[in-house]
Amino acid sequence: MGRLRLHPISIPLRELIGLMIVILLLLLAASAQALPQSNYSWTEAPWVSDEAGEDDKMATELSAPLAFNPGDAETPSLNIGSHLLNFSELVSLPFSCQLWIRNDLQWSHYLKAIQGEDVDIIIYMPEYGEVDVYLISYASGTRDRWSFNLLEGYHLLRLRAEEEGRYFMIAARKSEPGNALILDLVAKSDNASVSPLDVGTISTGRAMVTIKSERIKGYDVYLDGAFYSSDVGDGSIDGVASFTLSADKTHTISISQRDVQGNIINKSEHTKRFKRDMAYTLLIE
């Protein structure tokens, strides 16, 4: 009975190196998809928010802008008048900045909200430069102005106004105004005036959340699928992000870290019910 002979296969060195690179890339991609969940733990403690003094009771605040890419994780719909559009149908003018009010995953130019609650404002910059944001109160005639130097793209800001009534917001760059926003703020006790479509805006209190990680830095934070905060929100990349959210509700907090090419290298989701007037710390190891 003859023996089975194995004949060596000759592969050119260049093709062999290319094959090894392909195999290595596939292994890296598979390992990235199969990253184990990070060890994490929650702690909680009573929280007392900073109460404004009598002189600042009616103060209006606009947070520092956070840059983000709405196409990365959230796919908003656009509500313009009575028309609903997909985000892909948005045409951004090359010379004009644009303003939007974000409510969950819907962007619009109008919103009815509760006074004193945070309102998400989206501003689009066609190029790097300075932009002035104006807020005008129809009821009192007061005017507020903020100036920012922003990179090209989308930026998230949070507006908090304590005075009831109608507000107009407009942004301008190089003396060219963009579109206007209309915001109607109703009193906290006037929940009956909020329509059933706006029932989600009824005030339920706030909770404080702090995320801490020594290993993961430069991450973005998404709340219920929408970009909400980031590690750089306080001006430094230190693995710490703090923010408030509506309480007595269940939220999903997603943490996403990307490499320099924009690929996700760490991602985790944490679903939890948050109580009002409580401070929560999420420690990720």
Protein backbone atom coordinates (compact mmCIF):
# COMPACT_ATOMS: atom_id res chain seq x y z
CA MET A 1 0.00 0.00 0.00
CA GLY A 2 1.62 3.29 -1.11
CA ARG A 3 2.25 6.19 1.19
CA LEU A 4 0.39 9.48 0.86
CA ARG A 5 2.85 12.17 -0.03
CA LEU A 6 2.30 15.87 0.79
CA HIS A 7 3.73 18.29 -1.68
CA PRO A 8 4.69 21.75 -0.39
CA ILE A 9 2.87 24.70 -1.87
CA SER A 10 5.01 27.59 -2.89
CA ILE A 11 3.53 31.05 -2.21
CA PRO A 12 5.34 34.19 -3.33
CA LEU A 13 6.64 36.25 -0.40
CA ARG A 14 4.62 39.36 -1.38
CA GLU A 15 1.35 37.41 -1.52
CA LEU A 16 2.19 35.68 1.77
CA ILE A 17 2.74 39.03 3.52
CA GLY A 18 -0.51 40.38 2.08
CA LEU A 19 -2.39 37.29 3.28
CA MET A 20 -0.95 37.67 6.77
CA ILE A 21 -2.01 41.35 6.90
CA VAL A 22 -5.57 40.44 5.87
CA ILE A 23 -5.75 37.74 8.54
CA LEU A 24 -4.41 40.15 11.17
CA LEU A 25 -6.98 42.82 10.26
CA LEU A 26 -9.80 40.26 10.47
CA LEU A 27 -8.61 39.12 13.89
CA LEU A 28 -8.43 42.73 15.13
CA ALA A 29 -11.93 43.48 13.82
CA ALA A 30 -13.30 40.33 15.44
CA SER A 31 -11.65 41.15 18.75
CA ALA A 32 -13.06 44.70 18.65
CA GLN A 33 -16.55 43.31 18.14
CA ALA A 34 -16.03 40.78 20.91
CA LEU A 35 -14.66 43.18 23.51
CA PRO A 36 -15.83 42.09 26.96
CA GLN A 37 -18.11 44.40 28.85
CA SER A 38 -16.20 46.69 31.19
CA ASN A 39 -16.60 46.17 34.89
CA TYR A 40 -18.80 48.91 36.27
CA SER A 41 -20.63 49.86 39.43
CA TRP A 42 -23.25 52.41 40.47
CA THR A 43 -23.35 54.41 43.67
CA GLU A 44 -25.97 56.92 44.71
CA ALA A 45 -26.45 59.59 47.37
CA PRO A 46 -28.86 62.45 48.07
CA TRP A 47 -28.25 65.49 45.89
CA VAL A 48 -29.14 69.12 46.53
CA SER A 49 -28.90 71.23 43.38
CA ASP A 50 -27.32 74.66 43.56
CA GLU A 51 -30.11 77.07 44.31
CA ALA A 52 -29.80 80.44 42.62
CA GLY A 53 -29.95 83.54 44.77
CA GLU A 54 -32.79 85.99 44.63
CA ASP A 55 -30.91 88.23 42.19
CA ASP A 56 -30.25 85.31 39.83
CA LYS A 57 -33.65 83.68 40.14
CA MET A 58 -34.73 84.77 36.66
CA ALA A 59 -31.29 84.38 35.06
CA THR A 60 -31.02 82.77 31.62
CA GLU A 61 -28.16 80.35 30.99
CA LEU A 62 -26.71 78.87 27.81
CA SER A 63 -24.12 76.12 28.19
CA ALA A 64 -20.82 75.88 26.36
CA PRO A 65 -21.19 74.10 23.00
CA LEU A 66 -20.24 70.45 22.49
CA ALA A 67 -19.31 69.34 18.97
CA PHE A 68 -20.88 66.10 17.71
CA ASN A 69 -21.80 64.26 14.53
CA PRO A 70 -25.55 63.46 14.40
CA GLY A 71 -24.94 60.75 11.83
CA ASP A 72 -22.73 58.71 14.17
CA ALA A 73 -25.34 57.32 16.52
CA GLU A 74 -28.60 59.22 16.27
CA THR A 75 -30.75 59.65 13.18
CA PRO A 76 -33.00 62.62 13.91
CA SER A 77 -36.14 63.50 12.02
CA LEU A 78 -36.89 67.10 11.08
CA ASN A 79 -40.21 68.76 11.90
CA ILE A 80 -40.58 71.86 9.74
CA GLY A 81 -44.03 73.31 10.05
CA SER A 82 -46.35 70.37 9.43
CA HIS A 83 -43.78 68.46 7.38
CA LEU A 84 -41.63 65.61 8.67
CA LEU A 85 -38.35 65.05 6.84
CA ASN A 86 -35.50 62.60 7.17
CA PHE A 87 -32.18 64.01 8.31
CA SER A 88 -30.67 62.98 4.97
CA GLU A 89 -33.02 65.46 3.27
CA LEU A 90 -31.54 68.41 5.18
CA VAL A 91 -29.70 70.80 2.87
CA SER A 92 -27.24 72.99 4.77
CA LEU A 93 -26.44 76.30 3.13
CA PRO A 94 -22.70 76.82 2.64
CA PHE A 95 -22.74 80.37 4.04
CA SER A 96 -25.40 80.36 6.78
CA CYS A 97 -25.51 78.95 10.30
CA GLN A 98 -28.64 77.06 11.33
CA LEU A 99 -30.48 76.59 14.62
CA TRP A 100 -32.66 73.70 15.75
CA ILE A 101 -34.48 72.70 18.94
CA ARG A 102 -33.99 69.01 19.75
CA ASN A 103 -36.75 67.11 21.53
CA ASP A 104 -35.77 63.45 21.88
CA LEU A 105 -34.72 62.53 18.33
CA GLN A 106 -36.82 65.17 16.58
CA TRP A 107 -35.43 68.53 15.49
CA SER A 108 -37.74 71.49 14.94
CA HIS A 109 -37.90 75.29 15.00
CA TYR A 110 -40.59 75.44 17.71
CA LEU A 111 -41.12 73.87 21.15
CA LYS A 112 -43.39 74.31 24.15
CA ALA A 113 -41.53 73.49 27.36
CA ILE A 114 -41.53 74.02 31.12
CA GLN A 115 -39.75 77.10 32.44
CA GLY A 116 -36.51 76.29 34.21
CA GLU A 117 -36.04 73.00 32.35
CA ASP A 118 -33.11 72.38 29.99
CA VAL A 119 -33.82 72.81 26.28
CA ASP A 120 -31.40 71.26 23.76
CA ILE A 121 -30.29 73.70 21.06
CA ILE A 122 -28.41 72.50 17.96
CA ILE A 123 -26.32 74.96 15.95
CA TYR A 124 -24.74 74.16 12.59
CA MET A 125 -21.65 76.03 11.42
CA PRO A 126 -20.78 75.90 7.68
CA GLU A 127 -17.15 76.68 8.51
CA TYR A 128 -14.91 77.63 11.40
CA GLY A 129 -15.58 81.09 12.78
CA GLU A 130 -17.29 83.28 15.34
CA VAL A 131 -21.04 83.12 15.82
CA ASP A 132 -23.33 85.32 17.93
CA VAL A 133 -26.45 83.79 19.49
CA TYR A 134 -29.27 86.14 20.52
CA LEU A 135 -32.22 85.30 22.79
CA ILE A 136 -35.11 87.77 22.98
CA SER A 137 -37.97 87.55 25.49
CA TYR A 138 -41.26 88.74 23.99
CA ALA A 139 -42.84 89.13 27.43
CA SER A 140 -40.18 91.27 29.12
CA GLY A 141 -38.21 92.60 26.17
CA THR A 142 -34.93 91.40 27.67
CA ARG A 143 -32.12 90.38 25.32
CA ASP A 144 -29.21 88.00 25.93
CA ARG A 145 -26.19 87.52 23.68
CA TRP A 146 -23.47 84.87 23.61
CA SER A 147 -20.44 84.63 21.32
CA PHE A 148 -18.60 81.41 20.42
CA ASN A 149 -15.77 80.37 18.15
CA LEU A 150 -16.91 77.08 16.63
CA LEU A 151 -15.53 74.56 14.18
CA GLU A 152 -17.45 73.47 11.12
CA GLY A 153 -20.27 71.03 11.91
CA TYR A 154 -22.95 70.51 14.55
CA HIS A 155 -22.80 71.62 18.18
CA LEU A 156 -25.10 70.96 21.15
CA LEU A 157 -25.96 73.69 23.66
CA ARG A 158 -28.40 73.67 26.58
CA LEU A 159 -30.63 76.62 27.30
CA ARG A 160 -32.30 77.22 30.65
CA ALA A 161 -34.68 80.16 30.99
CA GLU A 162 -36.58 80.81 34.19
CA GLU A 163 -39.04 83.41 32.91
CA GLU A 164 -42.41 82.33 31.54
CA GLY A 165 -43.41 83.46 28.07
CA ARG A 166 -42.33 83.37 24.42
CA TYR A 167 -38.71 83.56 23.32
CA PHE A 168 -37.06 84.09 19.96
CA MET A 169 -33.55 82.84 19.24
CA ILE A 170 -31.39 83.70 16.25
CA ALA A 171 -27.73 83.14 15.35
CA ALA A 172 -25.56 85.27 13.07
CA ARG A 173 -22.06 84.93 11.63
CA LYS A 174 -20.28 87.63 9.63
CA SER A 175 -23.42 89.77 10.07
CA GLU A 176 -25.46 87.15 8.18
CA PRO A 177 -28.43 85.88 10.24
CA GLY A 178 -29.64 82.32 10.05
CA ASN A 179 -33.10 80.97 10.83
CA ALA A 180 -35.06 81.82 13.99
CA LEU A 181 -36.40 79.58 16.75
CA ILE A 182 -39.57 80.09 18.81
CA LEU A 183 -39.76 78.72 22.33
CA ASP A 184 -42.87 78.96 24.54
CA LEU A 185 -42.18 78.41 28.24
CA VAL A 186 -45.12 77.66 30.53
CA ALA A 187 -45.14 77.81 34.32
CA LYS A 188 -44.18 74.65 36.19
CA SER A 189 -47.59 74.52 37.86
CA ASP A 190 -49.42 75.14 34.57
CA ASN A 191 -49.22 71.53 33.39
CA ALA A 192 -52.81 71.66 32.20
CA SER A 193 -51.80 74.08 29.44
CA VAL A 194 -49.36 71.55 28.00
CA SER A 195 -51.04 69.50 25.29
CA PRO A 196 -50.99 65.66 25.37
CA LEU A 197 -48.36 65.78 22.62
CA ASP A 198 -46.08 67.70 24.99
CA VAL A 199 -46.75 65.55 28.06
CA GLY A 200 -43.08 64.53 28.13
CA THR A 201 -42.13 68.11 28.98
CA ILE A 202 -43.94 68.07 32.35
CA SER A 203 -41.39 68.71 35.07
CA THR A 204 -40.44 65.61 37.08
CA GLY A 205 -37.34 66.90 38.83
CA ARG A 206 -33.66 66.31 38.08
CA ALA A 207 -30.95 63.86 39.00
CA MET A 208 -27.17 64.30 38.78
CA VAL A 209 -25.03 61.71 36.99
CA THR A 210 -21.22 61.50 37.05
CA ILE A 211 -19.28 59.01 34.95
CA LYS A 212 -15.71 58.18 35.99
CA SER A 213 -13.14 55.97 34.27
CA GLU A 214 -9.37 55.72 34.54
CA ARG A 215 -9.17 53.50 31.46
CA ILE A 216 -11.61 55.05 28.99
CA LYS A 217 -11.06 58.70 28.09
CA GLY A 218 -12.32 61.03 25.39
CA TYR A 219 -15.69 59.24 25.21
CA ASP A 220 -19.11 60.54 24.15
CA VAL A 221 -22.28 60.05 26.19
CA TYR A 222 -25.65 59.32 24.59
CA LEU A 223 -28.93 59.50 26.51
CA ASP A 224 -31.75 57.37 25.12
CA GLY A 225 -30.05 57.31 21.73
CA ALA A 226 -29.26 61.03 21.43
CA PHE A 227 -25.89 62.70 21.98
CA TYR A 228 -25.96 64.29 25.43
CA SER A 229 -22.50 64.94 26.88
CA SER A 230 -18.84 63.99 26.57
CA ASP A 231 -15.63 63.57 28.51
CA VAL A 232 -14.37 66.90 27.11
CA GLY A 233 -17.50 68.75 28.25
CA ASP A 234 -15.62 70.25 31.20
CA GLY A 235 -12.69 71.31 28.99
CA SER A 236 -10.35 68.41 29.82
CA ILE A 237 -9.98 64.78 28.77
CA ASP A 238 -9.87 63.15 32.20
CA GLY A 239 -12.38 60.31 31.99
CA VAL A 240 -15.00 62.27 33.95
CA ALA A 241 -18.34 63.54 32.62
CA SER A 242 -21.10 65.11 34.73
CA PHE A 243 -24.60 66.12 33.72
CA THR A 244 -28.18 66.26 34.95
CA LEU A 245 -31.18 64.45 33.48
CA SER A 246 -34.91 64.25 34.03
CA ALA A 247 -35.70 62.07 37.03
CA ASP A 248 -38.31 59.51 38.05
CA LYS A 249 -37.74 57.91 34.66
CA THR A 250 -35.80 55.01 33.20
CA HIS A 251 -32.97 56.09 30.90
CA THR A 252 -30.35 54.29 28.84
CA ILE A 253 -26.90 55.85 29.03
CA SER A 254 -24.52 54.77 26.25
CA ILE A 255 -20.79 55.44 26.43
CA SER A 256 -18.82 55.36 23.19
CA GLN A 257 -15.08 55.79 22.69
CA ARG A 258 -13.52 56.10 19.22
CA ASP A 259 -10.01 55.92 17.88
CA VAL A 260 -8.40 58.58 15.69
CA GLN A 261 -9.97 56.99 12.58
CA GLY A 262 -13.46 57.26 14.13
CA ASN A 263 -13.86 53.53 14.80
CA ILE A 264 -15.62 52.51 18.02
CA ILE A 265 -13.13 50.78 20.31
CA ASN A 266 -15.16 50.82 23.56
CA LYS A 267 -18.93 50.92 23.96
CA SER A 268 -21.25 50.10 26.82
CA GLU A 269 -24.91 50.69 27.66
CA HIS A 270 -26.38 51.19 31.12
CA THR A 271 -30.15 51.23 31.71
CA LYS A 272 -31.36 52.45 35.07
CA ARG A 273 -34.24 54.26 36.75
CA PHE A 274 -33.15 57.58 38.22
CA LYS A 275 -34.85 59.17 41.23
CA ARG A 276 -35.21 62.89 41.64
CA ASP A 277 -32.79 64.77 43.91
CA MET A 278 -30.29 61.92 43.81
CA ALA A 279 -26.65 61.96 42.66
CA TYR A 280 -25.46 58.86 40.80
CA THR A 281 -21.86 57.88 40.04
CA LEU A 282 -21.07 55.31 37.35
CA LEU A 283 -17.56 53.90 37.84
CA ILE A 284 -16.15 52.09 34.81
CA GLU A 285 -12.98 50.07 35.37
